[in-house]
PDB file of N, CA and C in Angstrom:
ATOM      1  N   MET A   1     153.513  88.059 -51.377  1.00  0.00           N
ATOM      2  CA  MET A   1     153.844  89.361 -51.916  1.00  0.00           C
ATOM      3  C   MET A   1     153.707  90.453 -50.848  1.00  0.00           C
ATOM      4  N   ALA A   2     152.754  90.296 -49.964  1.00  0.00           N
ATOM      5  CA  ALA A   2     152.583  91.297 -48.910  1.00  0.00           C
ATOM      6  C   ALA A   2     153.786  91.320 -47.971  1.00  0.00           C
ATOM      7  N   ILE A   3     154.436  90.174 -47.769  1.00  0.00           N
ATOM      8  CA  ILE A   3     155.608  90.128 -46.899  1.00  0.00           C
ATOM      9  C   ILE A   3     156.748  90.934 -47.499  1.00  0.00           C
ATOM     10  N   GLY A   4     156.946  90.847 -48.808  1.00  0.00           N
ATOM     11  CA  GLY A   4     157.987  91.634 -49.474  1.00  0.00           C
ATOM     12  C   GLY A   4     157.750  93.122 -49.341  1.00  0.00           C
ATOM     13  N   ILE A   5     156.533  93.564 -49.426  1.00  0.00           N
ATOM     14  CA  ILE A   5     156.207  94.987 -49.258  1.00  0.00           C
ATOM     15  C   ILE A   5     156.504  95.415 -47.827  1.00  0.00           C
ATOM     16  N   PHE A   6     156.174  94.569 -46.859  1.00  0.00           N
ATOM     17  CA  PHE A   6     156.433  94.872 -45.462  1.00  0.00           C
ATOM     18  C   PHE A   6     157.923  95.044 -45.207  1.00  0.00           C
ATOM     19  N   LEU A   7     158.750  94.188 -45.769  1.00  0.00           N
ATOM     20  CA  LEU A   7     160.192  94.283 -45.587  1.00  0.00           C
ATOM     21  C   LEU A   7     160.751  95.560 -46.205  1.00  0.00           C
ATOM     22  N   VAL A   8     160.251  95.955 -47.351  1.00  0.00           N
ATOM     23  CA  VAL A   8     160.712  97.196 -47.991  1.00  0.00           C
ATOM     24  C   VAL A   8     160.353  98.395 -47.127  1.00  0.00           C
ATOM     25  N   MET A   9     159.163  98.404 -46.562  1.00  0.00           N
ATOM     26  CA  MET A   9     158.753  99.519 -45.715  1.00  0.00           C
ATOM     27  C   MET A   9     159.614  99.582 -44.456  1.00  0.00           C
ATOM     28  N   MET A  10     159.952  98.441 -43.897  1.00  0.00           N
ATOM     29  CA  MET A  10     160.763  98.421 -42.686  1.00  0.00           C
ATOM     30  C   MET A  10     162.188  98.905 -42.954  1.00  0.00           C
ATOM     31  N   THR A  11     162.779  98.546 -44.082  1.00  0.00           N
ATOM     32  CA  THR A  11     164.148  98.956 -44.359  1.00  0.00           C
ATOM     33  C   THR A  11     164.240 100.443 -44.652  1.00  0.00           C
ATOM     34  N   GLU A  12     163.197 101.047 -45.186  1.00  0.00           N
ATOM     35  CA  GLU A  12     163.231 102.483 -45.458  1.00  0.00           C
ATOM     36  C   GLU A  12     163.169 103.300 -44.168  1.00  0.00           C
ATOM     37  N   GLN A  13     162.561 102.773 -43.118  1.00  0.00           N
ATOM     38  CA  GLN A  13     162.397 103.510 -41.875  1.00  0.00           C
ATOM     39  C   GLN A  13     163.391 103.072 -40.804  1.00  0.00           C
ATOM     40  N   MET A  14     164.358 102.259 -41.154  1.00  0.00           N
ATOM     41  CA  MET A  14     165.276 101.723 -40.171  1.00  0.00           C
ATOM     42  C   MET A  14     166.260 102.781 -39.688  1.00  0.00           C
ATOM     43  N   GLY A  15     166.589 102.772 -38.404  1.00  0.00           N
ATOM     44  CA  GLY A  15     167.542 103.719 -37.844  1.00  0.00           C
ATOM     45  C   GLY A  15     168.926 103.119 -37.739  1.00  0.00           C
ATOM     46  N   ASP A  16     169.822 103.842 -37.089  1.00  0.00           N
ATOM     47  CA  ASP A  16     171.195 103.380 -36.908  1.00  0.00           C
ATOM     48  C   ASP A  16     171.276 102.414 -35.726  1.00  0.00           C
ATOM     49  N   MET A  17     172.239 101.499 -35.790  1.00  0.00           N
ATOM     50  CA  MET A  17     172.491 100.572 -34.698  1.00  0.00           C
ATOM     51  C   MET A  17     173.980 100.603 -34.380  1.00  0.00           C
ATOM     52  N   GLU A  18     174.321 100.612 -33.098  1.00  0.00           N
ATOM     53  CA  GLU A  18     175.721 100.609 -32.676  1.00  0.00           C
ATOM     54  C   GLU A  18     176.028  99.325 -31.922  1.00  0.00           C
ATOM     55  N   MET A  19     177.220  98.793 -32.185  1.00  0.00           N
ATOM     56  CA  MET A  19     177.735  97.653 -31.431  1.00  0.00           C
ATOM     57  C   MET A  19     179.082  98.070 -30.872  1.00  0.00           C
ATOM     58  N   ILE A  20     179.255  97.935 -29.558  1.00  0.00           N
ATOM     59  CA  ILE A  20     180.520  98.286 -28.910  1.00  0.00           C
ATOM     60  C   ILE A  20     181.130  97.003 -28.366  1.00  0.00           C
ATOM     61  N   TYR A  21     182.368  96.752 -28.756  1.00  0.00           N
ATOM     62  CA  TYR A  21     183.084  95.547 -28.341  1.00  0.00           C
ATOM     63  C   TYR A  21     183.940  95.847 -27.112  1.00  0.00           C
ATOM     64  N   PRO A  22     184.317  94.830 -26.337  1.00  0.00           N
ATOM     65  CA  PRO A  22     185.107  95.045 -25.119  1.00  0.00           C
ATOM     66  C   PRO A  22     186.449  95.728 -25.354  1.00  0.00           C
ATOM     67  N   ASP A  23     187.002  95.631 -26.559  1.00  0.00           N
ATOM     68  CA  ASP A  23     188.292  96.269 -26.838  1.00  0.00           C
ATOM     69  C   ASP A  23     188.158  97.746 -27.204  1.00  0.00           C
ATOM     70  N   GLY A  24     186.928  98.283 -27.228  1.00  0.00           N
ATOM     71  CA  GLY A  24     186.716  99.696 -27.499  1.00  0.00           C
ATOM     72  C   GLY A  24     186.332 100.012 -28.930  1.00  0.00           C
ATOM     73  N   LEU A  25     186.240  99.009 -29.799  1.00  0.00           N
ATOM     74  CA  LEU A  25     185.844  99.234 -31.186  1.00  0.00           C
ATOM     75  C   LEU A  25     184.338  99.404 -31.252  1.00  0.00           C
ATOM     76  N   LYS A  26     183.900 100.495 -31.894  1.00  0.00           N
ATOM     77  CA  LYS A  26     182.477 100.770 -32.050  1.00  0.00           C
ATOM     78  C   LYS A  26     182.128 100.706 -33.522  1.00  0.00           C
ATOM     79  N   ARG A  27     181.151  99.882 -33.867  1.00  0.00           N
ATOM     80  CA  ARG A  27     180.663  99.783 -35.235  1.00  0.00           C
ATOM     81  C   ARG A  27     179.265 100.369 -35.287  1.00  0.00           C
ATOM     82  N   THR A  28     179.058 101.326 -36.184  1.00  0.00           N
ATOM     83  CA  THR A  28     177.752 101.940 -36.369  1.00  0.00           C
ATOM     84  C   THR A  28     177.225 101.518 -37.727  1.00  0.00           C
ATOM     85  N   PHE A  29     176.086 100.843 -37.735  1.00  0.00           N
ATOM     86  CA  PHE A  29     175.460 100.381 -38.966  1.00  0.00           C
ATOM     87  C   PHE A  29     174.427 101.418 -39.396  1.00  0.00           C
ATOM     88  N   THR A  30     174.645 102.044 -40.546  1.00  0.00           N
ATOM     89  CA  THR A  30     173.746 103.053 -41.088  1.00  0.00           C
ATOM     90  C   THR A  30     173.272 102.612 -42.470  1.00  0.00           C
ATOM     91  N   ASP A  31     172.440 103.430 -43.067  1.00  0.00           N
ATOM     92  CA  ASP A  31     171.986 103.150 -44.430  1.00  0.00           C
ATOM     93  C   ASP A  31     173.141 103.255 -45.423  1.00  0.00           C
ATOM     94  N   LYS A  32     174.174 103.995 -45.088  1.00  0.00           N
ATOM     95  CA  LYS A  32     175.324 104.180 -45.973  1.00  0.00           C
ATOM     96  C   LYS A  32     176.331 103.047 -45.861  1.00  0.00           C
ATOM     97  N   GLY A  33     176.281 102.262 -44.795  1.00  0.00           N
ATOM     98  CA  GLY A  33     177.227 101.178 -44.573  1.00  0.00           C
ATOM     99  C   GLY A  33     177.649 101.114 -43.123  1.00  0.00           C
ATOM    100  N   VAL A  34     178.820 100.553 -42.871  1.00  0.00           N
ATOM    101  CA  VAL A  34     179.340 100.387 -41.520  1.00  0.00           C
ATOM    102  C   VAL A  34     180.443 101.406 -41.276  1.00  0.00           C
ATOM    103  N   GLU A  35     180.327 102.153 -40.181  1.00  0.00           N
ATOM    104  CA  GLU A  35     181.345 103.131 -39.791  1.00  0.00           C
ATOM    105  C   GLU A  35     182.071 102.607 -38.560  1.00  0.00           C
ATOM    106  N   LEU A  36     183.396 102.611 -38.593  1.00  0.00           N
ATOM    107  CA  LEU A  36     184.209 102.155 -37.471  1.00  0.00           C
ATOM    108  C   LEU A  36     184.740 103.341 -36.678  1.00  0.00           C
ATOM    109  N   ASP A  37     184.777 103.202 -35.363  1.00  0.00           N
ATOM    110  CA  ASP A  37     185.265 104.258 -34.496  1.00  0.00           C
ATOM    111  C   ASP A  37     185.778 103.610 -33.205  1.00  0.00           C
ATOM    112  N   LEU A  38     186.563 104.345 -32.447  1.00  0.00           N
ATOM    113  CA  LEU A  38     187.037 103.887 -31.146  1.00  0.00           C
ATOM    114  C   LEU A  38     186.372 104.700 -30.047  1.00  0.00           C
ATOM    115  N   VAL A  39     185.989 104.037 -28.971  1.00  0.00           N
ATOM    116  CA  VAL A  39     185.401 104.718 -27.820  1.00  0.00           C
ATOM    117  C   VAL A  39     186.539 105.356 -27.034  1.00  0.00           C
ATOM    118  N   PRO A  40     186.489 106.683 -26.772  1.00  0.00           N
ATOM    119  CA  PRO A  40     187.572 107.316 -26.008  1.00  0.00           C
ATOM    120  C   PRO A  40     187.608 106.803 -24.566  1.00  0.00           C
ATOM    121  N   LEU A  41     188.788 106.826 -23.972  1.00  0.00           N
ATOM    122  CA  LEU A  41     188.969 106.330 -22.615  1.00  0.00           C
ATOM    123  C   LEU A  41     188.135 107.113 -21.602  1.00  0.00           C
ATOM    124  N   SER A  42     187.849 108.374 -21.898  1.00  0.00           N
ATOM    125  CA  SER A  42     187.041 109.189 -20.981  1.00  0.00           C
ATOM    126  C   SER A  42     185.593 108.717 -20.906  1.00  0.00           C
ATOM    127  N   GLU A  43     185.138 107.925 -21.878  1.00  0.00           N
ATOM    128  CA  GLU A  43     183.771 107.411 -21.876  1.00  0.00           C
ATOM    129  C   GLU A  43     183.698 105.973 -21.375  1.00  0.00           C
ATOM    130  N   CYS A  44     184.839 105.406 -20.948  1.00  0.00           N
ATOM    131  CA  CYS A  44     184.878 104.029 -20.436  1.00  0.00           C
ATOM    132  C   CYS A  44     184.603 104.021 -18.938  1.00  0.00           C
ATOM    133  N   CYS A  45     184.386 102.831 -18.402  1.00  0.00           N
ATOM    134  CA  CYS A  45     184.123 102.664 -16.974  1.00  0.00           C
ATOM    135  C   CYS A  45     185.338 103.095 -16.155  1.00  0.00           C
ATOM    136  N   GLU A  46     185.091 103.793 -15.065  1.00  0.00           N
ATOM    137  CA  GLU A  46     186.173 104.255 -14.199  1.00  0.00           C
ATOM    138  C   GLU A  46     186.817 103.111 -13.424  1.00  0.00           C
ATOM    139  N   MET A  47     186.089 102.021 -13.224  1.00  0.00           N
ATOM    140  CA  MET A  47     186.593 100.914 -12.426  1.00  0.00           C
ATOM    141  C   MET A  47     187.326  99.868 -13.273  1.00  0.00           C
ATOM    142  N   CYS A  48     186.718  99.435 -14.380  1.00  0.00           N
ATOM    143  CA  CYS A  48     187.294  98.329 -15.145  1.00  0.00           C
ATOM    144  C   CYS A  48     187.709  98.718 -16.568  1.00  0.00           C
ATOM    145  N   ASN A  49     187.526  99.978 -16.969  1.00  0.00           N
ATOM    146  CA  ASN A  49     187.888 100.500 -18.295  1.00  0.00           C
ATOM    147  C   ASN A  49     187.141  99.832 -19.441  1.00  0.00           C
ATOM    148  N   ASP A  50     186.014  99.226 -19.185  1.00  0.00           N
ATOM    149  CA  ASP A  50     185.215  98.632 -20.258  1.00  0.00           C
ATOM    150  C   ASP A  50     184.406  99.740 -20.935  1.00  0.00           C
ATOM    151  N   PRO A  51     184.359  99.763 -22.268  1.00  0.00           N
ATOM    152  CA  PRO A  51     183.670 100.840 -22.961  1.00  0.00           C
ATOM    153  C   PRO A  51     182.153 100.674 -23.040  1.00  0.00           C
ATOM    154  N   ARG A  52     181.636  99.541 -22.612  1.00  0.00           N
ATOM    155  CA  ARG A  52     180.196  99.283 -22.741  1.00  0.00           C
ATOM    156  C   ARG A  52     179.460  99.847 -21.531  1.00  0.00           C
ATOM    157  N   MET A  53     178.892 101.032 -21.720  1.00  0.00           N
ATOM    158  CA  MET A  53     178.182 101.733 -20.650  1.00  0.00           C
ATOM    159  C   MET A  53     176.715 101.887 -21.024  1.00  0.00           C
ATOM    160  N   VAL A  54     175.856 101.917 -20.012  1.00  0.00           N
ATOM    161  CA  VAL A  54     174.433 102.112 -20.197  1.00  0.00           C
ATOM    162  C   VAL A  54     174.033 103.368 -19.441  1.00  0.00           C
ATOM    163  N   ASN A  55     173.240 104.225 -20.086  1.00  0.00           N
ATOM    164  CA  ASN A  55     172.766 105.453 -19.453  1.00  0.00           C
ATOM    165  C   ASN A  55     171.246 105.386 -19.346  1.00  0.00           C
ATOM    166  N   LEU A  56     170.744 105.159 -18.127  1.00  0.00           N
ATOM    167  CA  LEU A  56     169.308 105.070 -17.898  1.00  0.00           C
ATOM    168  C   LEU A  56     168.887 106.120 -16.885  1.00  0.00           C
ATOM    169  N   ASP A  57     168.068 107.043 -17.324  1.00  0.00           N
ATOM    170  CA  ASP A  57     167.541 108.107 -16.458  1.00  0.00           C
ATOM    171  C   ASP A  57     168.638 108.866 -15.724  1.00  0.00           C
ATOM    172  N   GLY A  58     169.727 109.159 -16.426  1.00  0.00           N
ATOM    173  CA  GLY A  58     170.789 109.960 -15.850  1.00  0.00           C
ATOM    174  C   GLY A  58     171.784 109.196 -15.000  1.00  0.00           C
ATOM    175  N   ILE A  59     171.646 107.879 -14.916  1.00  0.00           N
ATOM    176  CA  ILE A  59     172.583 107.058 -14.151  1.00  0.00           C
ATOM    177  C   ILE A  59     173.411 106.247 -15.145  1.00  0.00           C
ATOM    178  N   ARG A  60     174.697 106.537 -15.225  1.00  0.00           N
ATOM    179  CA  ARG A  60     175.593 105.880 -16.171  1.00  0.00           C
ATOM    180  C   ARG A  60     176.267 104.706 -15.468  1.00  0.00           C
ATOM    181  N   THR A  61     175.964 103.475 -15.941  1.00  0.00           N
ATOM    182  CA  THR A  61     176.397 102.259 -15.273  1.00  0.00           C
ATOM    183  C   THR A  61     177.144 101.359 -16.246  1.00  0.00           C
ATOM    184  N   CYS A  62     178.155 100.671 -15.754  1.00  0.00           N
ATOM    185  CA  CYS A  62     178.927  99.712 -16.550  1.00  0.00           C
ATOM    186  C   CYS A  62     178.128  98.414 -16.673  1.00  0.00           C
ATOM    187  N   VAL A  63     178.121  97.811 -17.856  1.00  0.00           N
ATOM    188  CA  VAL A  63     177.384  96.562 -18.037  1.00  0.00           C
ATOM    189  C   VAL A  63     178.179  95.354 -17.557  1.00  0.00           C
ATOM    190  N   VAL A  64     179.486  95.510 -17.305  1.00  0.00           N
ATOM    191  CA  VAL A  64     180.321  94.395 -16.882  1.00  0.00           C
ATOM    192  C   VAL A  64     180.408  94.322 -15.360  1.00  0.00           C
ATOM    193  N   CYS A  65     180.896  95.394 -14.715  1.00  0.00           N
ATOM    194  CA  CYS A  65     181.083  95.363 -13.262  1.00  0.00           C
ATOM    195  C   CYS A  65     179.944  96.052 -12.506  1.00  0.00           C
ATOM    196  N   HIS A  66     179.008  96.676 -13.223  1.00  0.00           N
ATOM    197  CA  HIS A  66     177.827  97.349 -12.655  1.00  0.00           C
ATOM    198  C   HIS A  66     178.188  98.517 -11.747  1.00  0.00           C
ATOM    199  N   ASN A  67     179.370  99.095 -11.950  1.00  0.00           N
ATOM    200  CA  ASN A  67     179.780 100.271 -11.194  1.00  0.00           C
ATOM    201  C   ASN A  67     179.008 101.482 -11.700  1.00  0.00           C
ATOM    202  N   VAL A  68     178.480 102.278 -10.788  1.00  0.00           N
ATOM    203  CA  VAL A  68     177.799 103.519 -11.167  1.00  0.00           C
ATOM    204  C   VAL A  68     178.863 104.579 -11.382  1.00  0.00           C
ATOM    205  N   ASN A  69     178.977 105.097 -12.601  1.00  0.00           N
ATOM    206  CA  ASN A  69     180.012 106.060 -12.946  1.00  0.00           C
ATOM    207  C   ASN A  69     179.534 107.496 -12.829  1.00  0.00           C
ATOM    208  N   THR A  70     178.322 107.783 -13.229  1.00  0.00           N
ATOM    209  CA  THR A  70     177.819 109.156 -13.209  1.00  0.00           C
ATOM    210  C   THR A  70     176.346 109.154 -12.839  1.00  0.00           C
ATOM    211  N   ILE A  71     175.970 110.065 -11.972  1.00  0.00           N
ATOM    212  CA  ILE A  71     174.567 110.294 -11.653  1.00  0.00           C
ATOM    213  C   ILE A  71     174.303 111.776 -11.883  1.00  0.00           C
ATOM    214  N   GLU A  72     173.380 112.073 -12.798  1.00  0.00           N
ATOM    215  CA  GLU A  72     173.036 113.473 -13.072  1.00  0.00           C
ATOM    216  C   GLU A  72     172.052 113.932 -11.994  1.00  0.00           C
ATOM    217  N   LEU A  73     172.497 114.902 -11.177  1.00  0.00           N
ATOM    218  CA  LEU A  73     171.649 115.400 -10.104  1.00  0.00           C
ATOM    219  C   LEU A  73     170.672 116.433 -10.628  1.00  0.00           C
ATOM    220  N   ASN A  74     169.483 116.453 -10.045  1.00  0.00           N
ATOM    221  CA  ASN A  74     168.422 117.399 -10.378  1.00  0.00           C
ATOM    222  C   ASN A  74     168.016 117.321 -11.849  1.00  0.00           C
ATOM    223  N   LYS A  75     168.082 116.151 -12.427  1.00  0.00           N
ATOM    224  CA  LYS A  75     167.685 116.005 -13.823  1.00  0.00           C
ATOM    225  C   LYS A  75     166.191 116.233 -13.982  1.00  0.00           C
ATOM    226  N   HIS A  76     165.409 115.759 -13.012  1.00  0.00           N
ATOM    227  CA  HIS A  76     163.958 115.857 -13.102  1.00  0.00           C
ATOM    228  C   HIS A  76     163.397 116.988 -12.244  1.00  0.00           C
ATOM    229  N   ALA A  77     164.270 117.816 -11.709  1.00  0.00           N
ATOM    230  CA  ALA A  77     163.800 118.921 -10.858  1.00  0.00           C
ATOM    231  C   ALA A  77     163.132 120.001 -11.722  1.00  0.00           C
ATOM    232  N   GLU A  78     162.093 120.580 -11.194  1.00  0.00           N
ATOM    233  CA  GLU A  78     161.399 121.645 -11.907  1.00  0.00           C
ATOM    234  C   GLU A  78     162.015 122.986 -11.566  1.00  0.00           C
ATOM    235  N   ILE A  79     162.098 123.821 -12.563  1.00  0.00           N
ATOM    236  CA  ILE A  79     162.706 125.153 -12.364  1.00  0.00           C
ATOM    237  C   ILE A  79     161.626 126.185 -12.237  1.00  0.00           C
TER     238      ILE A  79
END
């Protein structure tokens, strides 16, 4: 019975999850259901046009060809 209570608590606090496919289809899983969207070409990799990009500490990198697309300069600079 304690396991059932744990699962209920976890589902109430669950956030959104996104899955991006190589063809540009983005599925967002929310509490309301699944929302479908397309990744715009401006957000795809400049080298291979793959929509699956990772942004870590201001460095936007493609997960397929590992090309660095964007580096945010002075992100951690103090003003």
